[in-house]
């Protein structure tokens, strides 16, 4: 069988860039064992407000 080289080329590039994402803005702390970022309360409220105003319903 022939290999699909074009698929490998496209999989190497990330589709989304999370470096500038809003949820990464104000990290209050990081869980030590899992390295999960904990956002500030202000960030959580801002994200909730954004979701509420931009929902499809």
N, C-alpha and C. Protein backbone atom coordinates (compact mmCIF):
# COMPACT_ATOMS: atom_id res chain seq x y z
N UNK A 1 0.83 -1.20 0.00
CA UNK A 1 0.00 0.00 0.00
C UNK A 1 0.87 1.25 0.00
N UNK A 2 0.37 2.25 -0.64
CA UNK A 2 1.09 3.53 -0.66
C UNK A 2 0.76 4.31 0.62
N UNK A 3 1.78 4.97 1.13
CA UNK A 3 1.55 5.76 2.34
C UNK A 3 1.01 7.14 1.98
N UNK A 4 0.22 7.69 2.86
CA UNK A 4 -0.36 9.00 2.64
C UNK A 4 0.54 10.05 3.29
N UNK A 5 1.48 10.59 2.55
CA UNK A 5 2.45 11.55 3.08
C UNK A 5 1.81 12.91 3.35
N UNK A 6 0.80 13.28 2.58
CA UNK A 6 0.19 14.60 2.78
C UNK A 6 -0.54 14.68 4.11
N UNK A 7 -1.12 13.57 4.56
CA UNK A 7 -1.80 13.56 5.86
C UNK A 7 -0.80 13.81 6.99
N UNK A 8 0.36 13.19 6.91
CA UNK A 8 1.39 13.40 7.93
C UNK A 8 1.85 14.85 7.96
N UNK A 9 1.91 15.48 6.82
CA UNK A 9 2.36 16.87 6.75
C UNK A 9 1.35 17.79 7.44
N UNK A 10 0.08 17.55 7.26
CA UNK A 10 -0.94 18.41 7.87
C UNK A 10 -1.11 18.14 9.36
N UNK A 11 -0.86 16.92 9.82
CA UNK A 11 -1.00 16.61 11.23
C UNK A 11 0.10 17.25 12.07
N UNK A 12 1.19 17.63 11.44
CA UNK A 12 2.30 18.23 12.17
C UNK A 12 1.96 19.66 12.62
N UNK A 13 1.06 20.33 11.93
CA UNK A 13 0.69 21.72 12.25
C UNK A 13 -0.50 21.75 13.19
N UNK A 14 -0.41 22.43 14.33
CA UNK A 14 -1.56 22.51 15.23
C UNK A 14 -2.68 23.34 14.60
N UNK A 15 -3.91 22.95 14.85
CA UNK A 15 -5.05 23.65 14.29
C UNK A 15 -5.35 24.91 15.11
N UNK A 16 -5.26 24.79 16.41
CA UNK A 16 -5.55 25.92 17.29
C UNK A 16 -4.29 26.33 18.02
N UNK A 17 -4.18 27.62 18.28
CA UNK A 17 -3.06 28.12 19.06
C UNK A 17 -3.60 28.62 20.38
N UNK A 18 -3.23 27.96 21.46
CA UNK A 18 -3.74 28.30 22.78
C UNK A 18 -2.85 29.29 23.52
N UNK A 19 -1.78 29.73 22.87
CA UNK A 19 -0.86 30.65 23.53
C UNK A 19 -1.52 31.99 23.84
N UNK A 20 -2.44 32.44 23.00
CA UNK A 20 -3.09 33.74 23.20
C UNK A 20 -4.54 33.60 23.64
N UNK A 21 -4.93 32.44 24.09
CA UNK A 21 -6.31 32.21 24.51
C UNK A 21 -6.66 33.02 25.75
N UNK A 22 -7.89 33.44 25.83
CA UNK A 22 -8.32 34.27 26.95
C UNK A 22 -8.25 33.52 28.27
N UNK A 23 -8.48 32.22 28.26
CA UNK A 23 -8.49 31.48 29.52
C UNK A 23 -7.09 31.29 30.09
N UNK A 24 -6.06 31.66 29.35
CA UNK A 24 -4.71 31.57 29.87
C UNK A 24 -4.23 32.89 30.45
N UNK A 25 -5.06 33.90 30.45
CA UNK A 25 -4.64 35.24 30.82
C UNK A 25 -4.20 35.41 32.25
N UNK A 26 -5.02 35.03 33.20
CA UNK A 26 -4.73 35.28 34.61
C UNK A 26 -4.71 33.97 35.38
N UNK A 27 -3.59 33.28 35.32
CA UNK A 27 -3.45 32.02 36.04
C UNK A 27 -3.05 32.35 37.47
N UNK A 28 -3.92 31.96 38.39
CA UNK A 28 -3.70 32.26 39.80
C UNK A 28 -2.69 31.31 40.43
N UNK A 29 -2.81 30.03 40.10
CA UNK A 29 -1.89 29.03 40.63
C UNK A 29 -1.88 27.83 39.71
N UNK A 30 -1.00 26.89 40.02
CA UNK A 30 -0.89 25.66 39.23
C UNK A 30 -0.88 24.49 40.21
N UNK A 31 -1.69 23.47 39.91
CA UNK A 31 -1.70 22.28 40.75
C UNK A 31 -0.34 21.60 40.65
N UNK A 32 0.27 21.27 41.77
CA UNK A 32 1.64 20.77 41.74
C UNK A 32 1.83 19.43 41.03
N UNK A 33 0.95 18.50 41.24
CA UNK A 33 1.17 17.16 40.69
C UNK A 33 0.71 17.05 39.23
N UNK A 34 -0.43 17.66 38.90
CA UNK A 34 -0.98 17.52 37.56
C UNK A 34 -0.59 18.66 36.63
N UNK A 35 -0.05 19.76 37.19
CA UNK A 35 0.37 20.93 36.43
C UNK A 35 -0.82 21.59 35.71
N UNK A 36 -1.99 21.54 36.32
CA UNK A 36 -3.20 22.15 35.77
C UNK A 36 -3.30 23.59 36.26
N UNK A 37 -3.45 24.56 35.34
CA UNK A 37 -3.56 25.95 35.77
C UNK A 37 -4.93 26.24 36.38
N UNK A 38 -4.94 27.01 37.46
CA UNK A 38 -6.16 27.43 38.13
C UNK A 38 -6.34 28.93 37.83
N UNK A 39 -7.40 29.29 37.10
CA UNK A 39 -7.59 30.70 36.75
C UNK A 39 -8.08 31.51 37.93
N UNK A 40 -7.93 32.83 37.82
CA UNK A 40 -8.44 33.71 38.87
C UNK A 40 -9.96 33.78 38.75
N UNK A 41 -10.60 34.24 39.81
CA UNK A 41 -12.06 34.35 39.80
C UNK A 41 -12.51 35.36 38.75
N UNK A 42 -11.74 36.40 38.55
CA UNK A 42 -12.06 37.41 37.53
C UNK A 42 -12.07 36.79 36.13
N UNK A 43 -11.12 35.91 35.85
CA UNK A 43 -11.08 35.23 34.56
C UNK A 43 -12.27 34.31 34.36
N UNK A 44 -12.65 33.61 35.41
CA UNK A 44 -13.80 32.71 35.32
C UNK A 44 -15.07 33.50 35.06
N UNK A 45 -15.25 34.60 35.76
CA UNK A 45 -16.44 35.44 35.55
C UNK A 45 -16.46 36.04 34.16
N UNK A 46 -15.32 36.47 33.67
CA UNK A 46 -15.23 37.02 32.33
C UNK A 46 -15.57 35.97 31.28
N UNK A 47 -15.07 34.76 31.45
CA UNK A 47 -15.36 33.67 30.51
C UNK A 47 -16.84 33.32 30.54
N UNK A 48 -17.44 33.28 31.72
CA UNK A 48 -18.87 32.97 31.82
C UNK A 48 -19.70 34.04 31.15
N UNK A 49 -19.33 35.29 31.35
CA UNK A 49 -20.05 36.40 30.70
C UNK A 49 -19.95 36.29 29.18
N UNK A 50 -18.76 35.96 28.68
CA UNK A 50 -18.57 35.82 27.24
C UNK A 50 -19.45 34.69 26.69
N UNK A 51 -19.49 33.56 27.39
CA UNK A 51 -20.31 32.43 26.94
C UNK A 51 -21.79 32.78 26.96
N UNK A 52 -22.22 33.47 28.03
CA UNK A 52 -23.64 33.84 28.14
C UNK A 52 -24.06 34.79 27.02
N UNK A 53 -23.21 35.73 26.65
CA UNK A 53 -23.59 36.71 25.63
C UNK A 53 -23.43 36.16 24.21
N UNK A 54 -22.61 35.15 24.02
CA UNK A 54 -22.37 34.61 22.69
C UNK A 54 -22.96 33.23 22.48
N UNK A 55 -23.92 32.86 23.28
CA UNK A 55 -24.54 31.54 23.13
C UNK A 55 -25.48 31.55 21.93
N UNK A 56 -25.78 30.38 21.42
CA UNK A 56 -26.63 30.26 20.24
C UNK A 56 -28.11 30.34 20.56
N UNK A 57 -28.49 30.18 21.79
CA UNK A 57 -29.91 30.19 22.12
C UNK A 57 -30.44 31.58 22.35
